[in-house]
PDB file of all heavy atoms in Angstrom:
ATOM      1  N   GLY A   1      41.240  17.969  45.162  1.00  0.00           N
ATOM      2  CA  GLY A   1      40.555  18.404  46.371  1.00  0.00           C
ATOM      3  C   GLY A   1      39.325  17.583  46.706  1.00  0.00           C
ATOM      4  O   GLY A   1      38.348  18.098  47.240  1.00  0.00           O
ATOM      5  N   VAL A   2      39.379  16.273  46.369  1.00  0.00           N
ATOM      6  CA  VAL A   2      38.273  15.374  46.700  1.00  0.00           C
ATOM      7  C   VAL A   2      38.822  14.193  47.491  1.00  0.00           C
ATOM      8  O   VAL A   2      39.996  13.821  47.335  1.00  0.00           O
ATOM      9  CB  VAL A   2      37.544  14.870  45.434  1.00  0.00           C
ATOM     10  CG1 VAL A   2      36.945  16.028  44.666  1.00  0.00           C
ATOM     11  CG2 VAL A   2      38.481  14.066  44.541  1.00  0.00           C
ATOM     12  N   PRO A   3      38.020  13.570  48.343  1.00  0.00           N
ATOM     13  CA  PRO A   3      38.480  12.370  49.061  1.00  0.00           C
ATOM     14  C   PRO A   3      38.814  11.251  48.087  1.00  0.00           C
ATOM     15  O   PRO A   3      38.204  11.143  47.009  1.00  0.00           O
ATOM     16  CB  PRO A   3      37.274  12.006  49.939  1.00  0.00           C
ATOM     17  CG  PRO A   3      36.462  13.259  50.029  1.00  0.00           C
ATOM     18  CD  PRO A   3      36.672  13.981  48.735  1.00  0.00           C
ATOM     19  N   ALA A   4      39.785  10.415  48.439  1.00  0.00           N
ATOM     20  CA  ALA A   4      40.216   9.340  47.551  1.00  0.00           C
ATOM     21  C   ALA A   4      39.062   8.401  47.218  1.00  0.00           C
ATOM     22  O   ALA A   4      38.941   7.927  46.078  1.00  0.00           O
ATOM     23  CB  ALA A   4      41.377   8.577  48.182  1.00  0.00           C
ATOM     24  N   GLU A   5      38.193   8.135  48.219  1.00  0.00           N
ATOM     25  CA  GLU A   5      37.051   7.244  47.968  1.00  0.00           C
ATOM     26  C   GLU A   5      36.124   7.832  46.910  1.00  0.00           C
ATOM     27  O   GLU A   5      35.638   7.133  46.015  1.00  0.00           O
ATOM     28  CB  GLU A   5      36.276   7.005  49.261  1.00  0.00           C
ATOM     29  CG  GLU A   5      37.035   6.270  50.346  1.00  0.00           C
ATOM     30  CD  GLU A   5      37.996   7.172  51.105  1.00  0.00           C
ATOM     31  OE1 GLU A   5      37.975   8.403  50.844  1.00  0.00           O
ATOM     32  OE2 GLU A   5      38.775   6.680  51.939  1.00  0.00           O
ATOM     33  N   GLU A   6      35.891   9.145  47.014  1.00  0.00           N
ATOM     34  CA  GLU A   6      35.063   9.816  46.018  1.00  0.00           C
ATOM     35  C   GLU A   6      35.762   9.844  44.669  1.00  0.00           C
ATOM     36  O   GLU A   6      35.119   9.741  43.613  1.00  0.00           O
ATOM     37  CB  GLU A   6      34.757  11.235  46.489  1.00  0.00           C
ATOM     38  CG  GLU A   6      33.835  12.024  45.559  1.00  0.00           C
ATOM     39  CD  GLU A   6      33.569  13.420  46.075  1.00  0.00           C
ATOM     40  OE1 GLU A   6      33.491  13.588  47.303  1.00  0.00           O
ATOM     41  OE2 GLU A   6      33.450  14.341  45.235  1.00  0.00           O
ATOM     42  N   GLY A   7      37.101   9.965  44.693  1.00  0.00           N
ATOM     43  CA  GLY A   7      37.873   9.986  43.457  1.00  0.00           C
ATOM     44  C   GLY A   7      37.735   8.680  42.684  1.00  0.00           C
ATOM     45  O   GLY A   7      37.620   8.680  41.450  1.00  0.00           O
ATOM     46  N   ILE A   8      37.730   7.552  43.410  1.00  0.00           N
ATOM     47  CA  ILE A   8      37.583   6.246  42.747  1.00  0.00           C
ATOM     48  C   ILE A   8      36.261   6.173  42.004  1.00  0.00           C
ATOM     49  O   ILE A   8      36.190   5.782  40.832  1.00  0.00           O
ATOM     50  CB  ILE A   8      37.669   5.118  43.799  1.00  0.00           C
ATOM     51  CG1 ILE A   8      39.070   5.056  44.416  1.00  0.00           C
ATOM     52  CG2 ILE A   8      37.315   3.774  43.167  1.00  0.00           C
ATOM     53  CD1 ILE A   8      39.181   4.062  45.554  1.00  0.00           C
ATOM     54  N   GLU A   9      35.202   6.565  42.699  1.00  0.00           N
ATOM     55  CA  GLU A   9      33.865   6.533  42.089  1.00  0.00           C
ATOM     56  C   GLU A   9      33.782   7.481  40.899  1.00  0.00           C
ATOM     57  O   GLU A   9      33.216   7.140  39.849  1.00  0.00           O
ATOM     58  CB  GLU A   9      32.826   6.898  43.146  1.00  0.00           C
ATOM     59  CG  GLU A   9      31.397   6.819  42.642  1.00  0.00           C
ATOM     60  CD  GLU A   9      30.389   7.133  43.729  1.00  0.00           C
ATOM     61  OE1 GLU A   9      30.779   7.138  44.907  1.00  0.00           O
ATOM     62  OE2 GLU A   9      29.213   7.378  43.393  1.00  0.00           O
ATOM     63  N   SER A  10      34.379   8.684  41.039  1.00  0.00           N
ATOM     64  CA  SER A  10      34.323   9.671  39.967  1.00  0.00           C
ATOM     65  C   SER A  10      35.077   9.192  38.735  1.00  0.00           C
ATOM     66  O   SER A  10      34.596   9.333  37.592  1.00  0.00           O
ATOM     67  CB  SER A  10      34.914  11.004  40.449  1.00  0.00           C
ATOM     68  OG  SER A  10      34.156  11.548  41.503  1.00  0.00           O
ATOM     69  N   VAL A  11      36.266   8.619  38.950  1.00  0.00           N
ATOM     70  CA  VAL A  11      37.061   8.139  37.814  1.00  0.00           C
ATOM     71  C   VAL A  11      36.340   7.004  37.094  1.00  0.00           C
ATOM     72  O   VAL A  11      36.299   6.959  35.851  1.00  0.00           O
ATOM     73  CB  VAL A  11      38.456   7.684  38.303  1.00  0.00           C
ATOM     74  CG1 VAL A  11      39.176   6.903  37.210  1.00  0.00           C
ATOM     75  CG2 VAL A  11      39.290   8.881  38.715  1.00  0.00           C
ATOM     76  N   THR A  12      35.759   6.091  37.838  1.00  0.00           N
ATOM     77  CA  THR A  12      35.042   4.958  37.232  1.00  0.00           C
ATOM     78  C   THR A  12      33.890   5.448  36.364  1.00  0.00           C
ATOM     79  O   THR A  12      33.708   5.012  35.214  1.00  0.00           O
ATOM     80  CB  THR A  12      34.504   4.022  38.326  1.00  0.00           C
ATOM     81  OG1 THR A  12      35.591   3.557  39.126  1.00  0.00           O
ATOM     82  CG2 THR A  12      33.787   2.827  37.711  1.00  0.00           C
ATOM     83  N   THR A  13      33.118   6.377  36.909  1.00  0.00           N
ATOM     84  CA  THR A  13      31.978   6.928  36.163  1.00  0.00           C
ATOM     85  C   THR A  13      32.451   7.709  34.938  1.00  0.00           C
ATOM     86  O   THR A  13      31.868   7.592  33.845  1.00  0.00           O
ATOM     87  CB  THR A  13      31.157   7.859  37.064  1.00  0.00           C
ATOM     88  OG1 THR A  13      30.734   7.148  38.228  1.00  0.00           O
ATOM     89  CG2 THR A  13      29.942   8.402  36.327  1.00  0.00           C
ATOM     90  N   ALA A  14      33.533   8.509  35.099  1.00  0.00           N
ATOM     91  CA  ALA A  14      34.034   9.320  33.998  1.00  0.00           C
ATOM     92  C   ALA A  14      34.573   8.458  32.870  1.00  0.00           C
ATOM     93  O   ALA A  14      34.349   8.741  31.681  1.00  0.00           O
ATOM     94  CB  ALA A  14      35.117  10.268  34.505  1.00  0.00           C
ATOM     95  N   LEU A  15      35.286   7.382  33.211  1.00  0.00           N
ATOM     96  CA  LEU A  15      35.826   6.486  32.175  1.00  0.00           C
ATOM     97  C   LEU A  15      34.695   5.810  31.409  1.00  0.00           C
ATOM     98  O   LEU A  15      34.772   5.659  30.179  1.00  0.00           O
ATOM     99  CB  LEU A  15      36.744   5.450  32.811  1.00  0.00           C
ATOM    100  CG  LEU A  15      38.093   5.975  33.326  1.00  0.00           C
ATOM    101  CD1 LEU A  15      38.864   4.875  34.031  1.00  0.00           C
ATOM    102  CD2 LEU A  15      38.922   6.543  32.176  1.00  0.00           C
ATOM    103  N   SER A  16      33.658   5.407  32.117  1.00  0.00           N
ATOM    104  CA  SER A  16      32.514   4.794  31.446  1.00  0.00           C
ATOM    105  C   SER A  16      31.861   5.781  30.493  1.00  0.00           C
ATOM    106  O   SER A  16      31.450   5.425  29.379  1.00  0.00           O
ATOM    107  CB  SER A  16      31.490   4.316  32.483  1.00  0.00           C
ATOM    108  OG  SER A  16      32.046   3.333  33.323  1.00  0.00           O
ATOM    109  N   SER A  17      31.783   7.038  30.918  1.00  0.00           N
ATOM    110  CA  SER A  17      31.197   8.076  30.072  1.00  0.00           C
ATOM    111  C   SER A  17      32.040   8.289  28.819  1.00  0.00           C
ATOM    112  O   SER A  17      31.506   8.434  27.712  1.00  0.00           O
ATOM    113  CB  SER A  17      31.087   9.380  30.866  1.00  0.00           C
ATOM    114  OG  SER A  17      30.601  10.423  30.051  1.00  0.00           O
ATOM    115  N   LEU A  18      33.365   8.297  28.975  1.00  0.00           N
ATOM    116  CA  LEU A  18      34.251   8.467  27.812  1.00  0.00           C
ATOM    117  C   LEU A  18      34.121   7.288  26.849  1.00  0.00           C
ATOM    118  O   LEU A  18      34.073   7.467  25.627  1.00  0.00           O
ATOM    119  CB  LEU A  18      35.704   8.603  28.268  1.00  0.00           C
ATOM    120  CG  LEU A  18      36.142   9.949  28.848  1.00  0.00           C
ATOM    121  CD1 LEU A  18      37.603   9.879  29.308  1.00  0.00           C
ATOM    122  CD2 LEU A  18      35.984  11.063  27.823  1.00  0.00           C
ATOM    123  N   GLU A  19      34.075   6.084  27.400  1.00  0.00           N
ATOM    124  CA  GLU A  19      33.942   4.900  26.546  1.00  0.00           C
ATOM    125  C   GLU A  19      32.644   4.949  25.746  1.00  0.00           C
ATOM    126  O   GLU A  19      32.622   4.620  24.547  1.00  0.00           O
ATOM    127  CB  GLU A  19      33.994   3.638  27.402  1.00  0.00           C
ATOM    128  CG  GLU A  19      35.380   3.335  27.955  1.00  0.00           C
ATOM    129  CD  GLU A  19      35.390   2.095  28.831  1.00  0.00           C
ATOM    130  OE1 GLU A  19      34.522   2.006  29.726  1.00  0.00           O
ATOM    131  OE2 GLU A  19      36.247   1.228  28.610  1.00  0.00           O
ATOM    132  N   ALA A  20      31.567   5.375  26.404  1.00  0.00           N
ATOM    133  CA  ALA A  20      30.276   5.444  25.713  1.00  0.00           C
ATOM    134  C   ALA A  20      30.272   6.554  24.668  1.00  0.00           C
ATOM    135  O   ALA A  20      29.732   6.382  23.573  1.00  0.00           O
ATOM    136  CB  ALA A  20      29.161   5.684  26.741  1.00  0.00           C
ATOM    137  N   SER A  21      30.895   7.696  25.005  1.00  0.00           N
ATOM    138  CA  SER A  21      30.898   8.827  24.091  1.00  0.00           C
ATOM    139  C   SER A  21      31.762   8.568  22.866  1.00  0.00           C
ATOM    140  O   SER A  21      31.395   8.914  21.734  1.00  0.00           O
ATOM    141  CB  SER A  21      31.393  10.078  24.819  1.00  0.00           C
ATOM    142  OG  SER A  21      31.469  11.174  23.945  1.00  0.00           O
ATOM    143  N   LEU A  22      32.929   7.958  23.079  1.00  0.00           N
ATOM    144  CA  LEU A  22      33.880   7.729  21.981  1.00  0.00           C
ATOM    145  C   LEU A  22      33.710   6.363  21.330  1.00  0.00           C
ATOM    146  O   LEU A  22      34.315   6.098  20.285  1.00  0.00           O
ATOM    147  CB  LEU A  22      35.309   7.873  22.508  1.00  0.00           C
ATOM    148  CG  LEU A  22      35.675   9.266  23.053  1.00  0.00           C
ATOM    149  CD1 LEU A  22      37.043   9.237  23.728  1.00  0.00           C
ATOM    150  CD2 LEU A  22      35.665  10.305  21.936  1.00  0.00           C
ATOM    151  N   ARG A  23      32.933   5.486  21.988  1.00  0.00           N
ATOM    152  CA  ARG A  23      32.696   4.135  21.468  1.00  0.00           C
ATOM    153  C   ARG A  23      34.009   3.392  21.282  1.00  0.00           C
ATOM    154  O   ARG A  23      34.230   2.716  20.274  1.00  0.00           O
ATOM    155  CB  ARG A  23      31.913   4.185  20.163  1.00  0.00           C
ATOM    156  CG  ARG A  23      30.532   4.812  20.304  1.00  0.00           C
ATOM    157  CD  ARG A  23      29.772   4.833  18.999  1.00  0.00           C
ATOM    158  NE  ARG A  23      28.459   5.437  19.168  1.00  0.00           N
ATOM    159  CZ  ARG A  23      27.585   5.613  18.177  1.00  0.00           C
ATOM    160  NH1 ARG A  23      27.893   5.202  16.948  1.00  0.00           N
ATOM    161  NH2 ARG A  23      26.425   6.171  18.410  1.00  0.00           N
ATOM    162  N   GLN A  24      34.862   3.526  22.268  1.00  0.00           N
ATOM    163  CA  GLN A  24      36.163   2.848  22.249  1.00  0.00           C
ATOM    164  C   GLN A  24      36.477   2.353  23.647  1.00  0.00           C
ATOM    165  O   GLN A  24      35.946   2.861  24.648  1.00  0.00           O
ATOM    166  CB  GLN A  24      37.269   3.804  21.776  1.00  0.00           C
ATOM    167  CG  GLN A  24      37.174   4.187  20.309  1.00  0.00           C
ATOM    168  CD  GLN A  24      38.256   5.171  19.898  1.00  0.00           C
ATOM    169  OE1 GLN A  24      38.646   6.022  20.683  1.00  0.00           O
ATOM    170  NE2 GLN A  24      38.731   5.055  18.676  1.00  0.00           N
ATOM    171  N   GLY A  25      37.375   1.356  23.717  1.00  0.00           N
ATOM    172  CA  GLY A  25      37.801   0.828  24.997  1.00  0.00           C
ATOM    173  C   GLY A  25      38.788   1.752  25.682  1.00  0.00           C
ATOM    174  O   GLY A  25      39.364   2.657  25.066  1.00  0.00           O
ATOM    175  N   ILE A  26      39.040   1.480  26.947  1.00  0.00           N
ATOM    176  CA  ILE A  26      39.892   2.356  27.742  1.00  0.00           C
ATOM    177  C   ILE A  26      41.332   2.359  27.244  1.00  0.00           C
ATOM    178  O   ILE A  26      42.031   3.376  27.323  1.00  0.00           O
ATOM    179  CB  ILE A  26      39.823   1.959  29.242  1.00  0.00           C
ATOM    180  CG1 ILE A  26      40.553   3.005  30.094  1.00  0.00           C
ATOM    181  CG2 ILE A  26      40.396   0.566  29.458  1.00  0.00           C
ATOM    182  CD1 ILE A  26      39.967   4.372  29.993  1.00  0.00           C
ATOM    183  N   ASP A  27      41.821   1.222  26.702  1.00  0.00           N
ATOM    184  CA  ASP A  27      43.194   1.172  26.206  1.00  0.00           C
ATOM    185  C   ASP A  27      43.392   2.137  25.039  1.00  0.00           C
ATOM    186  O   ASP A  27      44.400   2.851  24.960  1.00  0.00           O
ATOM    187  CB  ASP A  27      43.555  -0.256  25.766  1.00  0.00           C
ATOM    188  CG  ASP A  27      43.643  -1.209  26.946  1.00  0.00           C
ATOM    189  OD1 ASP A  27      43.795  -0.711  28.085  1.00  0.00           O
ATOM    190  OD2 ASP A  27      43.557  -2.433  26.730  1.00  0.00           O
ATOM    191  N   VAL A  28      42.423   2.174  24.131  1.00  0.00           N
ATOM    192  CA  VAL A  28      42.516   3.071  22.982  1.00  0.00           C
ATOM    193  C   VAL A  28      42.424   4.526  23.436  1.00  0.00           C
ATOM    194  O   VAL A  28      43.163   5.395  22.963  1.00  0.00           O
ATOM    195  CB  VAL A  28      41.403   2.757  21.956  1.00  0.00           C
ATOM    196  CG1 VAL A  28      41.444   3.761  20.793  1.00  0.00           C
ATOM    197  CG2 VAL A  28      41.529   1.339  21.451  1.00  0.00           C
TER     198      VAL A  28
END
């Protein structure tokens, strides 16, 4: 229920947060 443009920004930020929290790359 979010605009696609907002979704892109949200996914990018969320993935960066996961990488920082887990200290792993996106592939892992």
